[in-house]
Amino acid sequence: MEIFILKEEFIIKVIGITGKTGCGKSFAAGCLKENLSKSLILDVDLLAKDIYRDNNYAVQKAADFFGREILKTDGSLDFPKLGRIVFKDSSQMDKLNKLMFPLITERVAEFIKNNSDQNYIIIDAAILFDAGLDVFCDKIIYLKAHDIKREKFLKCRDSGICLEDIRQRISNQKININNNKVDFIIENNSSLEDLCENIDSVIKKL
């Protein structure tokens, strides 16, 4: 599928939210959606999981790369096992990214085109720049938070993950940020109320 820049064709405005895991991207996206009329959130982490469920090729290639042990008995992907492999070794993450980035970019383009009747699409993606999803965005928000806050948030979000795995994800995650393309930087190191206030300030400048 040919990837194209949609903002020239549609009135819709695309807002990208990026930052490392546990920095509060999903909460910030929710604040935006609540205050922007006719808006939708596209969570790229969930999108990637949908690709694995819908695309047998992606699952089989992942198994070729990382071994059959990342598959459940029914042949579906065991996401926690895959996560432990790729978050432990950056070279393994690079393999996964080369497989998934083109598929993700294609799905994002389709999502925006299929929802062109909306006023806003909010893309929630740590890999916004790495996967080249920034080309779709009219405005980009970069969310930052201290490691301790991110650790607490991840533990609250997923009580089934151990502290060692959380710290490994935090320490090993590397994302690219093109500061020249970032429109707003938000430091999320205090309360959720403060984060909402910062998002409100951003909305006034959209």
Protein backbone atom coordinates (compact mmCIF):
# COMPACT_ATOMS: atom_id res chain seq x y z
CA MET A 1 0.00 0.00 0.00
CA GLU A 2 1.35 3.42 -0.92
CA ILE A 3 1.80 5.68 2.10
CA PHE A 4 0.60 9.22 1.56
CA ILE A 5 0.33 12.42 3.54
CA LEU A 6 -3.34 12.73 4.39
CA LYS A 7 -3.48 16.24 5.80
CA GLU A 8 -3.34 17.69 2.28
CA GLU A 9 -6.46 15.71 1.34
CA PHE A 10 -8.58 16.03 4.48
CA ILE A 11 -9.45 18.77 6.94
CA ILE A 12 -8.72 16.39 9.83
CA LYS A 13 -5.92 17.38 12.22
CA VAL A 14 -3.57 14.65 13.47
CA ILE A 15 -1.90 15.07 16.87
CA GLY A 16 0.98 12.80 17.85
CA ILE A 17 1.83 12.06 21.48
CA THR A 18 5.20 10.41 22.08
CA GLY A 19 7.45 9.57 25.02
CA LYS A 20 8.83 6.53 26.77
CA THR A 21 6.74 3.81 28.36
CA GLY A 22 5.03 4.85 31.58
CA CYS A 23 5.29 8.60 30.99
CA GLY A 24 1.51 9.10 30.81
CA LYS A 25 0.85 9.16 27.06
CA SER A 26 -2.44 7.29 27.28
CA PHE A 27 -3.77 9.55 30.03
CA ALA A 28 -2.73 12.63 28.06
CA ALA A 29 -4.42 11.23 24.94
CA GLY A 30 -7.59 10.72 26.99
CA CYS A 31 -7.48 14.33 28.18
CA LEU A 32 -7.17 15.52 24.60
CA LYS A 33 -10.05 13.36 23.39
CA GLU A 34 -12.28 14.55 26.22
CA ASN A 35 -11.74 18.18 25.25
CA LEU A 36 -11.58 17.99 21.45
CA SER A 37 -14.83 17.52 19.55
CA LYS A 38 -15.07 14.59 17.12
CA SER A 39 -11.75 13.06 18.06
CA LEU A 40 -10.41 9.50 18.13
CA ILE A 41 -7.37 7.93 19.81
CA LEU A 42 -5.13 5.54 17.91
CA ASP A 43 -3.05 3.56 20.42
CA VAL A 44 -0.15 2.14 18.39
CA ASP A 45 0.70 -0.50 21.01
CA LEU A 46 -2.83 -1.91 20.68
CA LEU A 47 -2.63 -1.53 16.92
CA ALA A 48 0.52 -3.69 16.85
CA LYS A 49 -1.25 -6.40 18.86
CA ASP A 50 -4.16 -6.28 16.42
CA ILE A 51 -1.69 -6.81 13.56
CA TYR A 52 -0.35 -9.93 15.24
CA ARG A 53 -3.88 -11.23 15.68
CA ASP A 54 -4.92 -10.46 12.10
CA ASN A 55 -1.68 -11.13 10.22
CA ASN A 56 -0.41 -14.70 10.37
CA TYR A 57 2.67 -13.67 8.39
CA ALA A 58 3.76 -11.32 11.18
CA VAL A 59 3.33 -14.04 13.81
CA GLN A 60 5.27 -16.62 11.80
CA LYS A 61 8.10 -14.20 11.02
CA ALA A 62 8.33 -13.29 14.70
CA ALA A 63 8.55 -17.00 15.54
CA ASP A 64 11.30 -17.40 12.93
CA PHE A 65 13.24 -14.55 14.50
CA PHE A 66 12.79 -15.38 18.18
CA GLY A 67 11.90 -19.07 18.32
CA ARG A 68 8.70 -21.04 18.69
CA GLU A 69 8.71 -20.47 22.45
CA ILE A 70 7.12 -17.04 21.89
CA LEU A 71 3.96 -18.82 20.68
CA LYS A 72 1.15 -20.13 22.84
CA THR A 73 -0.17 -23.65 22.35
CA ASP A 74 -2.88 -22.31 20.01
CA GLY A 75 -0.26 -20.67 17.78
CA SER A 76 -0.97 -17.09 18.88
CA LEU A 77 1.73 -14.77 20.13
CA ASP A 78 2.70 -14.78 23.81
CA PHE A 79 3.22 -11.04 24.27
CA PRO A 80 4.91 -11.17 27.71
CA LYS A 81 7.49 -13.70 26.45
CA LEU A 82 8.19 -11.63 23.36
CA GLY A 83 8.49 -8.50 25.51
CA ARG A 84 11.07 -10.10 27.78
CA ILE A 85 13.22 -10.97 24.77
CA VAL A 86 13.13 -7.65 22.95
CA PHE A 87 13.37 -5.40 26.00
CA LYS A 88 16.45 -7.28 27.16
CA ASP A 89 18.41 -6.94 23.91
CA SER A 90 18.30 -3.89 21.61
CA SER A 91 19.44 -5.96 18.61
CA GLN A 92 16.38 -8.19 19.07
CA MET A 93 14.16 -5.12 19.28
CA ASP A 94 15.66 -3.92 15.99
CA LYS A 95 14.64 -7.21 14.35
CA LEU A 96 11.09 -6.81 15.59
CA ASN A 97 10.93 -3.18 14.47
CA LYS A 98 12.05 -4.01 10.92
CA LEU A 99 9.20 -6.51 10.72
CA MET A 100 6.50 -4.38 12.32
CA PHE A 101 7.16 -0.75 11.33
CA PRO A 102 5.98 -1.07 7.70
CA LEU A 103 2.85 -2.94 8.80
CA ILE A 104 2.12 -0.36 11.51
CA THR A 105 2.61 2.58 9.12
CA GLU A 106 0.20 1.04 6.64
CA ARG A 107 -2.46 0.50 9.33
CA VAL A 108 -2.08 4.07 10.62
CA ALA A 109 -2.59 5.46 7.11
CA GLU A 110 -5.69 3.30 6.70
CA PHE A 111 -7.07 4.37 10.08
CA ILE A 112 -6.71 8.08 9.30
CA LYS A 113 -8.25 7.68 5.85
CA ASN A 114 -11.16 5.62 7.18
CA ASN A 115 -11.88 8.21 9.91
CA SER A 116 -11.49 11.36 7.82
CA ASP A 117 -14.90 12.57 9.02
CA GLN A 118 -13.37 13.29 12.44
CA ASN A 119 -11.90 16.63 13.47
CA TYR A 120 -8.92 15.09 15.24
CA ILE A 121 -6.96 11.85 15.32
CA ILE A 122 -4.69 11.45 18.37
CA ILE A 123 -1.79 9.04 17.75
CA ASP A 124 -0.39 7.60 21.00
CA ALA A 125 3.00 6.13 20.08
CA ALA A 126 6.39 5.80 21.75
CA ILE A 127 7.72 4.86 18.29
CA LEU A 128 6.23 7.92 16.60
CA PHE A 129 9.57 9.03 15.11
CA ASP A 130 11.20 5.60 14.88
CA ALA A 131 8.39 4.27 12.69
CA GLY A 132 8.07 7.50 10.69
CA LEU A 133 4.54 8.16 11.94
CA ASP A 134 5.44 11.82 12.47
CA VAL A 135 4.78 12.37 8.74
CA PHE A 136 1.07 12.09 9.47
CA CYS A 137 1.09 14.63 12.31
CA ASP A 138 0.14 18.29 12.27
CA LYS A 139 1.26 18.76 15.89
CA ILE A 140 3.46 16.61 18.14
CA ILE A 141 3.53 16.48 21.95
CA TYR A 142 6.57 15.01 23.70
CA LEU A 143 5.76 13.76 27.19
CA LYS A 144 8.54 13.21 29.72
CA ALA A 145 8.63 11.75 33.24
CA HIS A 146 11.23 10.66 35.78
CA ASP A 147 12.05 6.95 35.93
CA ILE A 148 10.60 6.55 39.45
CA LYS A 149 7.23 7.95 38.36
CA ARG A 150 7.26 5.74 35.25
CA GLU A 151 8.05 2.70 37.39
CA LYS A 152 5.13 3.38 39.73
CA PHE A 153 2.76 3.95 36.82
CA LEU A 154 3.74 0.74 35.04
CA LYS A 155 3.31 -1.27 38.23
CA CYS A 156 -0.18 0.18 38.74
CA ARG A 157 -1.12 -0.42 35.10
CA ASP A 158 0.00 -4.05 35.07
CA SER A 159 0.15 -5.73 38.47
CA GLY A 160 1.17 -8.99 36.81
CA ILE A 161 4.57 -7.71 35.70
CA CYS A 162 7.46 -8.01 38.14
CA LEU A 163 9.54 -5.04 39.26
CA GLU A 164 12.65 -6.46 37.59
CA ASP A 165 10.91 -6.57 34.19
CA ILE A 166 9.60 -3.03 34.67
CA ARG A 167 13.06 -1.69 35.45
CA GLN A 168 14.52 -3.58 32.51
CA ARG A 169 11.97 -2.03 30.16
CA ILE A 170 12.64 1.45 31.51
CA SER A 171 16.42 1.17 31.34
CA ASN A 172 16.58 -0.52 27.92
CA GLN A 173 13.92 1.38 25.99
CA LYS A 174 15.43 3.70 23.41
CA ILE A 175 13.28 5.99 21.31
CA ASN A 176 14.21 8.65 18.79
CA ILE A 177 12.91 12.18 19.26
CA ASN A 178 13.26 14.77 16.51
CA ASN A 179 13.21 17.94 18.57
CA ASN A 180 12.84 20.05 15.45
CA LYS A 181 9.43 18.48 14.87
CA VAL A 182 8.20 18.56 18.49
CA ASP A 183 5.68 21.36 19.06
CA PHE A 184 5.06 20.89 22.80
CA ILE A 185 7.12 19.35 25.62
CA ILE A 186 5.30 18.41 28.82
CA GLU A 187 7.12 17.34 32.00
CA ASN A 188 4.79 14.90 33.75
CA ASN A 189 6.40 14.70 37.18
CA SER A 190 3.63 15.92 39.46
CA SER A 191 -0.12 15.25 39.68
CA LEU A 192 -2.60 14.13 37.06
CA GLU A 193 -4.40 17.43 37.60
CA ASP A 194 -1.23 19.28 36.56
CA LEU A 195 -0.94 17.08 33.48
CA CYS A 196 -4.52 17.91 32.52
CA GLU A 197 -3.79 21.62 32.96
CA ASN A 198 -0.76 21.30 30.68
CA ILE A 199 -2.88 19.50 28.10
CA ASP A 200 -5.48 22.29 28.33
CA SER A 201 -2.72 24.81 27.58
CA VAL A 202 -1.72 22.77 24.52
CA ILE A 203 -5.32 22.61 23.28
CA LYS A 204 -5.53 26.40 23.26
CA LYS A 205 -2.56 26.49 20.86
CA LEU A 206 -3.73 23.82 18.42
